[in-house]
Amino acid sequence: MNGYREDFPIFKSGLIYLNSAASSLTPEQVLEKMLEYYREYRANAGRGVYRITDRTTSELEEARKSVAKLRDAREDEVTFVRNTSEGLNFVASNLKFKKRTEHSDYSHRTS
């Protein structure tokens, strides 16, 4: 567990964090990659014909390959979403419900 805690500098303060369902902490490696993106090649993936768009698209597809390998899935089975609510709504909207089955599009707050 110590190796895991080292990925999150905030734990050096002795913090015990139990609210991951609402706002998960971001590991240092992810923050570094995000800063690299913002500083070096911020562009929309697959939406341009210039160098930084090519890099963004390449980085996104490499991330998709990594996640697919980690989950033992095909690359076309990996979809990135902004948050859990978006992911759940995506799944629910693609389910084939039987007649008289009800579901809600209600998104909740955790406060």
N, C-alpha and C. Protein backbone atom coordinates (compact mmCIF):
# COMPACT_ATOMS: atom_id res chain seq x y z
N MET A 1 0.81 -1.20 0.00
CA MET A 1 0.00 0.00 0.00
C MET A 1 0.86 1.27 0.00
N ASN A 2 2.06 1.17 0.56
CA ASN A 2 2.92 2.35 0.60
C ASN A 2 3.29 2.85 -0.79
N GLY A 3 3.54 1.94 -1.72
CA GLY A 3 3.86 2.35 -3.08
C GLY A 3 2.71 3.11 -3.71
N TYR A 4 1.51 2.68 -3.43
CA TYR A 4 0.31 3.35 -3.94
C TYR A 4 0.19 4.75 -3.36
N ARG A 5 0.39 4.88 -2.07
CA ARG A 5 0.28 6.18 -1.40
C ARG A 5 1.30 7.18 -1.95
N GLU A 6 2.45 6.69 -2.38
CA GLU A 6 3.49 7.58 -2.92
C GLU A 6 3.07 8.25 -4.21
N ASP A 7 2.09 7.70 -4.92
CA ASP A 7 1.57 8.31 -6.15
C ASP A 7 0.72 9.54 -5.87
N PHE A 8 0.37 9.77 -4.60
CA PHE A 8 -0.51 10.86 -4.20
C PHE A 8 0.20 11.71 -3.14
N PRO A 9 0.90 12.78 -3.55
CA PRO A 9 1.67 13.59 -2.60
C PRO A 9 0.85 14.12 -1.41
N ILE A 10 -0.45 14.29 -1.58
CA ILE A 10 -1.28 14.82 -0.49
C ILE A 10 -1.25 13.91 0.74
N PHE A 11 -0.95 12.62 0.55
CA PHE A 11 -0.91 11.68 1.67
C PHE A 11 0.30 11.90 2.57
N LYS A 12 1.30 12.66 2.12
CA LYS A 12 2.47 12.96 2.95
C LYS A 12 2.05 13.71 4.22
N SER A 13 0.91 14.38 4.17
CA SER A 13 0.42 15.14 5.31
C SER A 13 -0.25 14.24 6.35
N GLY A 14 -0.38 12.94 6.04
CA GLY A 14 -1.06 12.02 6.96
C GLY A 14 -2.55 11.92 6.70
N LEU A 15 -3.02 12.56 5.64
CA LEU A 15 -4.44 12.56 5.30
C LEU A 15 -4.97 11.14 5.10
N ILE A 16 -6.15 10.89 5.60
CA ILE A 16 -6.91 9.67 5.30
C ILE A 16 -8.13 10.14 4.54
N TYR A 17 -8.26 9.72 3.28
CA TYR A 17 -9.29 10.25 2.38
C TYR A 17 -10.33 9.19 2.10
N LEU A 18 -11.60 9.47 2.44
CA LEU A 18 -12.67 8.49 2.30
C LEU A 18 -13.79 8.95 1.37
N ASN A 19 -13.57 9.97 0.56
CA ASN A 19 -14.64 10.51 -0.27
C ASN A 19 -14.40 10.26 -1.76
N SER A 20 -13.82 9.14 -2.11
CA SER A 20 -13.46 8.87 -3.50
C SER A 20 -14.65 8.77 -4.43
N ALA A 21 -15.82 8.44 -3.92
CA ALA A 21 -16.99 8.33 -4.78
C ALA A 21 -17.37 9.69 -5.35
N ALA A 22 -17.14 10.75 -4.59
CA ALA A 22 -17.51 12.09 -5.05
C ALA A 22 -16.38 12.76 -5.81
N SER A 23 -15.19 12.71 -5.28
CA SER A 23 -14.04 13.38 -5.89
C SER A 23 -12.80 12.55 -5.63
N SER A 24 -12.43 11.73 -6.57
CA SER A 24 -11.25 10.91 -6.36
C SER A 24 -9.99 11.75 -6.50
N LEU A 25 -8.96 11.35 -5.77
CA LEU A 25 -7.68 12.02 -5.88
C LEU A 25 -7.00 11.61 -7.19
N THR A 26 -6.15 12.47 -7.70
CA THR A 26 -5.48 12.21 -8.97
C THR A 26 -4.02 11.85 -8.71
N PRO A 27 -3.56 10.70 -9.21
CA PRO A 27 -2.16 10.33 -8.99
C PRO A 27 -1.20 11.29 -9.69
N GLU A 28 -0.01 11.40 -9.15
CA GLU A 28 1.00 12.31 -9.67
C GLU A 28 1.29 12.05 -11.15
N GLN A 29 1.33 10.78 -11.57
CA GLN A 29 1.63 10.46 -12.97
C GLN A 29 0.57 11.02 -13.90
N VAL A 30 -0.69 11.02 -13.48
CA VAL A 30 -1.78 11.57 -14.30
C VAL A 30 -1.66 13.08 -14.37
N LEU A 31 -1.36 13.71 -13.24
CA LEU A 31 -1.19 15.16 -13.24
C LEU A 31 -0.04 15.57 -14.17
N GLU A 32 1.05 14.82 -14.13
CA GLU A 32 2.19 15.13 -15.00
C GLU A 32 1.80 15.01 -16.47
N LYS A 33 1.05 13.96 -16.82
CA LYS A 33 0.63 13.77 -18.22
C LYS A 33 -0.34 14.87 -18.64
N MET A 34 -1.22 15.28 -17.72
CA MET A 34 -2.14 16.37 -18.03
C MET A 34 -1.39 17.67 -18.30
N LEU A 35 -0.41 17.97 -17.46
CA LEU A 35 0.40 19.18 -17.67
C LEU A 35 1.16 19.13 -18.99
N GLU A 36 1.69 17.95 -19.32
CA GLU A 36 2.38 17.78 -20.60
C GLU A 36 1.42 18.11 -21.75
N TYR A 37 0.22 17.59 -21.67
CA TYR A 37 -0.80 17.86 -22.70
C TYR A 37 -1.07 19.36 -22.82
N TYR A 38 -1.35 20.00 -21.70
CA TYR A 38 -1.67 21.43 -21.73
C TYR A 38 -0.50 22.29 -22.19
N ARG A 39 0.70 21.88 -21.86
CA ARG A 39 1.88 22.68 -22.22
C ARG A 39 2.40 22.42 -23.62
N GLU A 40 2.23 21.19 -24.14
CA GLU A 40 2.92 20.81 -25.37
C GLU A 40 2.04 20.53 -26.58
N TYR A 41 0.82 20.03 -26.36
CA TYR A 41 0.05 19.63 -27.55
C TYR A 41 -1.46 19.69 -27.33
N ARG A 42 -1.94 20.72 -26.66
CA ARG A 42 -3.37 20.83 -26.41
C ARG A 42 -4.13 21.06 -27.71
N ALA A 43 -4.92 20.07 -28.08
CA ALA A 43 -5.75 20.13 -29.29
C ALA A 43 -6.80 19.04 -29.18
N ASN A 44 -7.84 19.14 -29.96
CA ASN A 44 -8.88 18.12 -29.98
C ASN A 44 -8.41 16.92 -30.80
N ALA A 45 -8.55 15.74 -30.23
CA ALA A 45 -8.13 14.52 -30.91
C ALA A 45 -8.98 14.29 -32.15
N GLY A 46 -8.32 13.95 -33.25
CA GLY A 46 -9.02 13.60 -34.48
C GLY A 46 -9.77 14.73 -35.16
N ARG A 47 -9.47 15.98 -34.82
CA ARG A 47 -10.24 17.09 -35.37
C ARG A 47 -9.40 18.13 -36.09
N GLY A 48 -8.27 17.75 -36.58
CA GLY A 48 -7.43 18.72 -37.27
C GLY A 48 -6.41 18.03 -38.15
N VAL A 49 -5.70 18.82 -38.90
CA VAL A 49 -4.70 18.28 -39.81
C VAL A 49 -3.34 18.93 -39.54
N TYR A 50 -3.04 19.10 -38.27
CA TYR A 50 -1.77 19.71 -37.91
C TYR A 50 -1.09 18.88 -36.83
N ARG A 51 0.18 19.17 -36.59
CA ARG A 51 1.05 18.35 -35.77
C ARG A 51 0.50 18.07 -34.37
N ILE A 52 0.04 19.09 -33.66
CA ILE A 52 -0.39 18.83 -32.28
C ILE A 52 -1.69 18.01 -32.23
N THR A 53 -2.53 18.14 -33.23
CA THR A 53 -3.72 17.28 -33.28
C THR A 53 -3.31 15.84 -33.51
N ASP A 54 -2.33 15.61 -34.37
CA ASP A 54 -1.84 14.26 -34.60
C ASP A 54 -1.29 13.66 -33.31
N ARG A 55 -0.57 14.47 -32.55
CA ARG A 55 -0.01 13.97 -31.29
C ARG A 55 -1.12 13.67 -30.29
N THR A 56 -2.09 14.55 -30.18
CA THR A 56 -3.21 14.32 -29.27
C THR A 56 -3.93 13.03 -29.62
N THR A 57 -4.20 12.84 -30.90
CA THR A 57 -4.89 11.63 -31.36
C THR A 57 -4.05 10.40 -31.05
N SER A 58 -2.76 10.47 -31.29
CA SER A 58 -1.86 9.35 -31.03
C SER A 58 -1.83 9.01 -29.53
N GLU A 59 -1.73 10.02 -28.69
CA GLU A 59 -1.71 9.80 -27.24
C GLU A 59 -3.02 9.17 -26.76
N LEU A 60 -4.14 9.64 -27.30
CA LEU A 60 -5.44 9.10 -26.92
C LEU A 60 -5.55 7.63 -27.32
N GLU A 61 -5.12 7.31 -28.53
CA GLU A 61 -5.20 5.92 -29.00
C GLU A 61 -4.25 5.01 -28.23
N GLU A 62 -3.08 5.53 -27.82
CA GLU A 62 -2.17 4.75 -26.99
C GLU A 62 -2.79 4.48 -25.62
N ALA A 63 -3.47 5.48 -25.06
CA ALA A 63 -4.16 5.28 -23.78
C ALA A 63 -5.26 4.22 -23.93
N ARG A 64 -5.99 4.28 -25.03
CA ARG A 64 -7.05 3.29 -25.29
C ARG A 64 -6.45 1.88 -25.37
N LYS A 65 -5.31 1.74 -26.05
CA LYS A 65 -4.64 0.44 -26.14
C LYS A 65 -4.22 -0.07 -24.77
N SER A 66 -3.67 0.83 -23.95
CA SER A 66 -3.23 0.45 -22.61
C SER A 66 -4.39 -0.02 -21.75
N VAL A 67 -5.50 0.71 -21.80
CA VAL A 67 -6.68 0.33 -21.01
C VAL A 67 -7.24 -1.00 -21.51
N ALA A 68 -7.30 -1.18 -22.82
CA ALA A 68 -7.81 -2.42 -23.38
C ALA A 68 -6.95 -3.60 -22.92
N LYS A 69 -5.65 -3.43 -22.96
CA LYS A 69 -4.75 -4.51 -22.52
C LYS A 69 -4.94 -4.79 -21.03
N LEU A 70 -5.03 -3.74 -20.23
CA LEU A 70 -5.22 -3.90 -18.79
C LEU A 70 -6.51 -4.65 -18.47
N ARG A 71 -7.57 -4.37 -19.23
CA ARG A 71 -8.89 -4.97 -18.98
C ARG A 71 -9.14 -6.22 -19.82
N ASP A 72 -8.14 -6.65 -20.58
CA ASP A 72 -8.29 -7.80 -21.48
C ASP A 72 -9.49 -7.60 -22.40
N ALA A 73 -9.53 -6.45 -23.03
CA ALA A 73 -10.64 -6.07 -23.92
C ALA A 73 -10.08 -5.68 -25.29
N ARG A 74 -10.98 -5.56 -26.23
CA ARG A 74 -10.60 -5.02 -27.54
C ARG A 74 -10.59 -3.49 -27.44
N GLU A 75 -9.77 -2.86 -28.25
CA GLU A 75 -9.69 -1.39 -28.24
C GLU A 75 -11.03 -0.75 -28.55
N ASP A 76 -11.83 -1.35 -29.44
CA ASP A 76 -13.12 -0.76 -29.79
C ASP A 76 -14.16 -0.93 -28.67
N GLU A 77 -13.79 -1.62 -27.59
CA GLU A 77 -14.67 -1.76 -26.43
C GLU A 77 -14.38 -0.73 -25.35
N VAL A 78 -13.36 0.09 -25.56
CA VAL A 78 -12.96 1.09 -24.56
C VAL A 78 -13.50 2.45 -24.96
N THR A 79 -14.27 3.04 -24.08
CA THR A 79 -14.82 4.38 -24.29
C THR A 79 -14.43 5.25 -23.11
N PHE A 80 -13.93 6.44 -23.38
CA PHE A 80 -13.59 7.37 -22.31
C PHE A 80 -14.74 8.34 -22.09
N VAL A 81 -15.09 8.57 -20.82
CA VAL A 81 -16.13 9.52 -20.46
C VAL A 81 -15.57 10.48 -19.42
N ARG A 82 -16.28 11.58 -19.19
CA ARG A 82 -15.79 12.62 -18.28
C ARG A 82 -15.93 12.25 -16.81
N ASN A 83 -16.94 11.46 -16.47
CA ASN A 83 -17.18 11.15 -15.07
C ASN A 83 -18.11 9.94 -14.95
N THR A 84 -18.35 9.51 -13.73
CA THR A 84 -19.18 8.32 -13.50
C THR A 84 -20.60 8.53 -13.97
N SER A 85 -21.17 9.70 -13.71
CA SER A 85 -22.54 9.96 -14.14
C SER A 85 -22.69 9.83 -15.65
N GLU A 86 -21.75 10.41 -16.39
CA GLU A 86 -21.79 10.30 -17.84
C GLU A 86 -21.67 8.84 -18.28
N GLY A 87 -20.78 8.09 -17.62
CA GLY A 87 -20.61 6.69 -17.96
C GLY A 87 -21.86 5.87 -17.69
N LEU A 88 -22.49 6.09 -16.54
CA LEU A 88 -23.72 5.36 -16.22
C LEU A 88 -24.84 5.72 -17.17
N ASN A 89 -24.96 6.99 -17.51
CA ASN A 89 -25.99 7.41 -18.46
C ASN A 89 -25.73 6.81 -19.84
N PHE A 90 -24.48 6.72 -20.23
CA PHE A 90 -24.11 6.11 -21.51
C PHE A 90 -24.54 4.64 -21.54
N VAL A 91 -24.23 3.93 -20.48
CA VAL A 91 -24.60 2.51 -20.41
C VAL A 91 -26.12 2.37 -20.41
N ALA A 92 -26.80 3.15 -19.56
CA ALA A 92 -28.26 3.05 -19.47
C ALA A 92 -28.94 3.37 -20.79
N SER A 93 -28.42 4.35 -21.52
CA SER A 93 -29.06 4.74 -22.77
C SER A 93 -28.88 3.69 -23.86
N ASN A 94 -27.93 2.77 -23.66
CA ASN A 94 -27.70 1.73 -24.65
C ASN A 94 -28.26 0.37 -24.24
N LEU A 95 -28.93 0.31 -23.11
CA LEU A 95 -29.58 -0.94 -22.68
C LEU A 95 -30.91 -1.09 -23.39
N LYS A 96 -31.28 -2.30 -23.64
CA LYS A 96 -32.58 -2.59 -24.23
C LYS A 96 -33.52 -2.99 -23.10
N PHE A 97 -34.35 -2.06 -22.66
CA PHE A 97 -35.26 -2.33 -21.55
C PHE A 97 -36.50 -3.07 -22.04
N LYS A 98 -36.99 -3.96 -21.18
CA LYS A 98 -38.25 -4.64 -21.49
C LYS A 98 -39.39 -3.67 -21.24
N LYS A 99 -40.53 -3.99 -21.80
CA LYS A 99 -41.72 -3.16 -21.60
C LYS A 99 -42.00 -2.99 -20.12
N ARG A 100 -42.39 -1.79 -19.74
CA ARG A 100 -42.75 -1.42 -18.37
C ARG A 100 -41.54 -1.29 -17.43
N THR A 101 -40.35 -1.37 -17.95
CA THR A 101 -39.17 -1.13 -17.13
C THR A 101 -38.94 0.37 -17.07
N GLU A 102 -38.70 0.88 -15.90
CA GLU A 102 -38.49 2.31 -15.74
C GLU A 102 -37.06 2.57 -15.29
N HIS A 103 -36.51 3.65 -15.78
CA HIS A 103 -35.21 4.11 -15.30
C HIS A 103 -35.25 5.63 -15.26
N SER A 104 -34.31 6.19 -14.52
CA SER A 104 -34.28 7.64 -14.32
C SER A 104 -33.03 8.23 -14.94
N ASP A 105 -33.16 9.41 -15.50
CA ASP A 105 -31.99 10.15 -16.01
C ASP A 105 -31.49 11.13 -14.96
N TYR A 106 -32.02 11.03 -13.75
CA TYR A 106 -31.67 11.94 -12.66
C TYR A 106 -30.21 11.78 -12.29
N SER A 107 -29.50 12.86 -12.22
CA SER A 107 -28.11 12.87 -11.79
C SER A 107 -28.08 13.51 -10.40
N HIS A 108 -27.44 12.88 -9.45
CA HIS A 108 -27.46 13.38 -8.07
C HIS A 108 -26.19 14.13 -7.70
N ARG A 109 -26.32 14.93 -6.65
CA ARG A 109 -25.18 15.61 -6.05
C ARG A 109 -24.83 14.85 -4.76
N THR A 110 -23.61 14.98 -4.31
CA THR A 110 -23.21 14.27 -3.11
C THR A 110 -23.11 15.18 -1.91
N SER A 111 -23.67 16.36 -1.96
CA SER A 111 -23.54 17.24 -0.80
C SER A 111 -24.75 17.15 0.10
